[in-house]
C-alpha atoms as a PDB file:
ATOM      1  CA  UNK A   1       0.000   0.000   0.000  1.00  0.00           C
ATOM      2  CA  UNK A   2       1.103   3.532  -0.722  1.00  0.00           C
ATOM      3  CA  UNK A   3      -0.386   5.182   2.364  1.00  0.00           C
ATOM      4  CA  UNK A   4      -2.735   7.443   0.422  1.00  0.00           C
ATOM      5  CA  UNK A   5      -6.439   7.749   1.095  1.00  0.00           C
ATOM      6  CA  UNK A   6      -9.486   6.679  -0.815  1.00  0.00           C
ATOM      7  CA  UNK A   7     -10.966   9.713  -2.569  1.00  0.00           C
ATOM      8  CA  UNK A   8     -14.646  10.591  -3.044  1.00  0.00           C
ATOM      9  CA  UNK A   9     -15.903  13.746  -4.733  1.00  0.00           C
ATOM     10  CA  UNK A  10     -19.511  14.739  -5.347  1.00  0.00           C
ATOM     11  CA  UNK A  11     -20.172  15.484  -9.013  1.00  0.00           C
ATOM     12  CA  UNK A  12     -23.770  16.513  -8.442  1.00  0.00           C
ATOM     13  CA  UNK A  13     -26.434  15.765  -5.840  1.00  0.00           C
ATOM     14  CA  UNK A  14     -26.749  12.114  -6.880  1.00  0.00           C
ATOM     15  CA  UNK A  15     -23.331  11.054  -8.224  1.00  0.00           C
ATOM     16  CA  UNK A  16     -20.015  10.601  -6.442  1.00  0.00           C
ATOM     17  CA  UNK A  17     -16.725   9.751  -8.162  1.00  0.00           C
ATOM     18  CA  UNK A  18     -14.688   7.401  -5.971  1.00  0.00           C
ATOM     19  CA  UNK A  19     -11.053   6.486  -6.528  1.00  0.00           C
ATOM     20  CA  UNK A  20      -8.494   4.255  -4.876  1.00  0.00           C
ATOM     21  CA  UNK A  21      -5.866   4.478  -7.627  1.00  0.00           C
ATOM     22  CA  UNK A  22      -3.257   5.853  -5.197  1.00  0.00           C
ATOM     23  CA  UNK A  23      -4.054   3.512  -2.283  1.00  0.00           C
ATOM     24  CA  UNK A  24      -2.369   0.292  -3.408  1.00  0.00           C
ATOM     25  CA  UNK A  25       1.049  -0.296  -4.968  1.00  0.00           C
ATOM     26  CA  UNK A  26      -0.259  -2.153  -8.012  1.00  0.00           C
ATOM     27  CA  UNK A  27       1.389  -4.459 -10.506  1.00  0.00           C
ATOM     28  CA  UNK A  28      -1.082  -4.640 -13.408  1.00  0.00           C
ATOM     29  CA  UNK A  29       0.872  -7.566 -14.917  1.00  0.00           C
ATOM     30  CA  UNK A  30      -0.543  -9.565 -11.979  1.00  0.00           C
ATOM     31  CA  UNK A  31      -4.131  -8.760 -13.098  1.00  0.00           C
ATOM     32  CA  UNK A  32      -5.465  -7.204  -9.881  1.00  0.00           C
ATOM     33  CA  UNK A  33      -9.148  -6.904  -9.160  1.00  0.00           C
ATOM     34  CA  UNK A  34     -10.860  -5.176  -6.275  1.00  0.00           C
ATOM     35  CA  UNK A  35     -13.661  -6.231  -3.972  1.00  0.00           C
ATOM     36  CA  UNK A  36     -15.301  -3.028  -2.757  1.00  0.00           C
ATOM     37  CA  UNK A  37     -17.749  -2.492   0.107  1.00  0.00           C
ATOM     38  CA  UNK A  38     -19.072   0.981   0.895  1.00  0.00           C
ATOM     39  CA  UNK A  39     -21.428   1.873   3.723  1.00  0.00           C
ATOM     40  CA  UNK A  40     -22.246   5.111   5.481  1.00  0.00           C
ATOM     41  CA  UNK A  41     -21.477   3.725   8.958  1.00  0.00           C
ATOM     42  CA  UNK A  42     -18.610   1.692  10.381  1.00  0.00           C
ATOM     43  CA  UNK A  43     -19.536  -1.958  10.592  1.00  0.00           C
ATOM     44  CA  UNK A  44     -21.473  -1.868   7.306  1.00  0.00           C
ATOM     45  CA  UNK A  45     -24.857  -1.956   8.996  1.00  0.00           C
ATOM     46  CA  UNK A  46     -26.160  -0.035   5.984  1.00  0.00           C
ATOM     47  CA  UNK A  47     -24.245  -1.363   2.981  1.00  0.00           C
ATOM     48  CA  UNK A  48     -24.709   1.132   0.139  1.00  0.00           C
ATOM     49  CA  UNK A  49     -22.555  -0.483  -2.543  1.00  0.00           C
ATOM     50  CA  UNK A  50     -20.706  -3.757  -2.980  1.00  0.00           C
ATOM     51  CA  UNK A  51     -19.020  -4.796  -6.207  1.00  0.00           C
ATOM     52  CA  UNK A  52     -16.006  -6.424  -7.829  1.00  0.00           C
ATOM     53  CA  UNK A  53     -14.047  -4.514 -10.471  1.00  0.00           C
ATOM     54  CA  UNK A  54     -10.663  -4.217 -12.167  1.00  0.00           C
ATOM     55  CA  UNK A  55     -11.049  -0.409 -12.314  1.00  0.00           C
ATOM     56  CA  UNK A  56      -9.580   1.973  -9.723  1.00  0.00           C
ATOM     57  CA  UNK A  57     -12.210   4.704 -10.226  1.00  0.00           C
ATOM     58  CA  UNK A  58     -15.981   4.379 -10.453  1.00  0.00           C
ATOM     59  CA  UNK A  59     -19.011   6.651 -10.417  1.00  0.00           C
ATOM     60  CA  UNK A  60     -21.587   5.811  -7.732  1.00  0.00           C
ATOM     61  CA  UNK A  61     -25.163   6.957  -7.378  1.00  0.00           C
ATOM     62  CA  UNK A  62     -25.399   7.989  -3.740  1.00  0.00           C
ATOM     63  CA  UNK A  63     -26.152  10.998  -1.570  1.00  0.00           C
ATOM     64  CA  UNK A  64     -23.963   9.871   1.348  1.00  0.00           C
ATOM     65  CA  UNK A  65     -21.824  12.618   2.866  1.00  0.00           C
ATOM     66  CA  UNK A  66     -19.555  10.158   4.682  1.00  0.00           C
ATOM     67  CA  UNK A  67     -18.499   6.665   3.624  1.00  0.00           C
ATOM     68  CA  UNK A  68     -16.993   3.709   5.417  1.00  0.00           C
ATOM     69  CA  UNK A  69     -14.896   1.935   2.795  1.00  0.00           C
ATOM     70  CA  UNK A  70     -13.354  -1.536   2.727  1.00  0.00           C
ATOM     71  CA  UNK A  71     -11.400  -2.476  -0.415  1.00  0.00           C
ATOM     72  CA  UNK A  72      -9.521  -5.703  -0.968  1.00  0.00           C
ATOM     73  CA  UNK A  73      -7.005  -5.822  -3.826  1.00  0.00           C
ATOM     74  CA  UNK A  74      -6.621  -9.399  -5.071  1.00  0.00           C
ATOM     75  CA  UNK A  75      -3.990 -10.601  -7.542  1.00  0.00           C
ATOM     76  CA  UNK A  76      -4.275 -13.561  -9.884  1.00  0.00           C
ATOM     77  CA  UNK A  77      -1.780 -15.354  -7.598  1.00  0.00           C
ATOM     78  CA  UNK A  78      -4.265 -15.186  -4.720  1.00  0.00           C
ATOM     79  CA  UNK A  79      -2.297 -12.677  -2.647  1.00  0.00           C
ATOM     80  CA  UNK A  80      -4.355  -9.789  -1.334  1.00  0.00           C
ATOM     81  CA  UNK A  81      -4.180  -6.529   0.568  1.00  0.00           C
ATOM     82  CA  UNK A  82      -7.025  -4.857   2.470  1.00  0.00           C
ATOM     83  CA  UNK A  83      -7.708  -1.149   3.033  1.00  0.00           C
ATOM     84  CA  UNK A  84     -10.395   0.445   5.189  1.00  0.00           C
ATOM     85  CA  UNK A  85     -11.184   4.025   6.130  1.00  0.00           C
ATOM     86  CA  UNK A  86     -13.989   6.408   6.992  1.00  0.00           C
ATOM     87  CA  UNK A  87     -13.916   9.301   4.523  1.00  0.00           C
ATOM     88  CA  UNK A  88     -15.916  12.473   3.946  1.00  0.00           C
ATOM     89  CA  UNK A  89     -17.234  13.098   0.440  1.00  0.00           C
ATOM     90  CA  UNK A  90     -15.746  16.283  -1.011  1.00  0.00           C
ATOM     91  CA  UNK A  91     -18.169  18.745  -2.568  1.00  0.00           C
END
């Protein structure tokens, strides 16, 4: 991991661009994919989004002002790294 934070920026009242491209030290030759869980409270009692992707940026339809994020980067070899943080959506 690079030590940088997950980033979320509101594009309008219903869309938020989220990015974790600077969170993990990635080797794209190892075909990483990401398992992403986003809730608005720690503990994921209110899971807003959960998905698997090979992208490091996605647009979400949400009005959350704060997000609890858990992202697992998984390589084709089976090795993985997990990141979690509570972040505030930038407006």
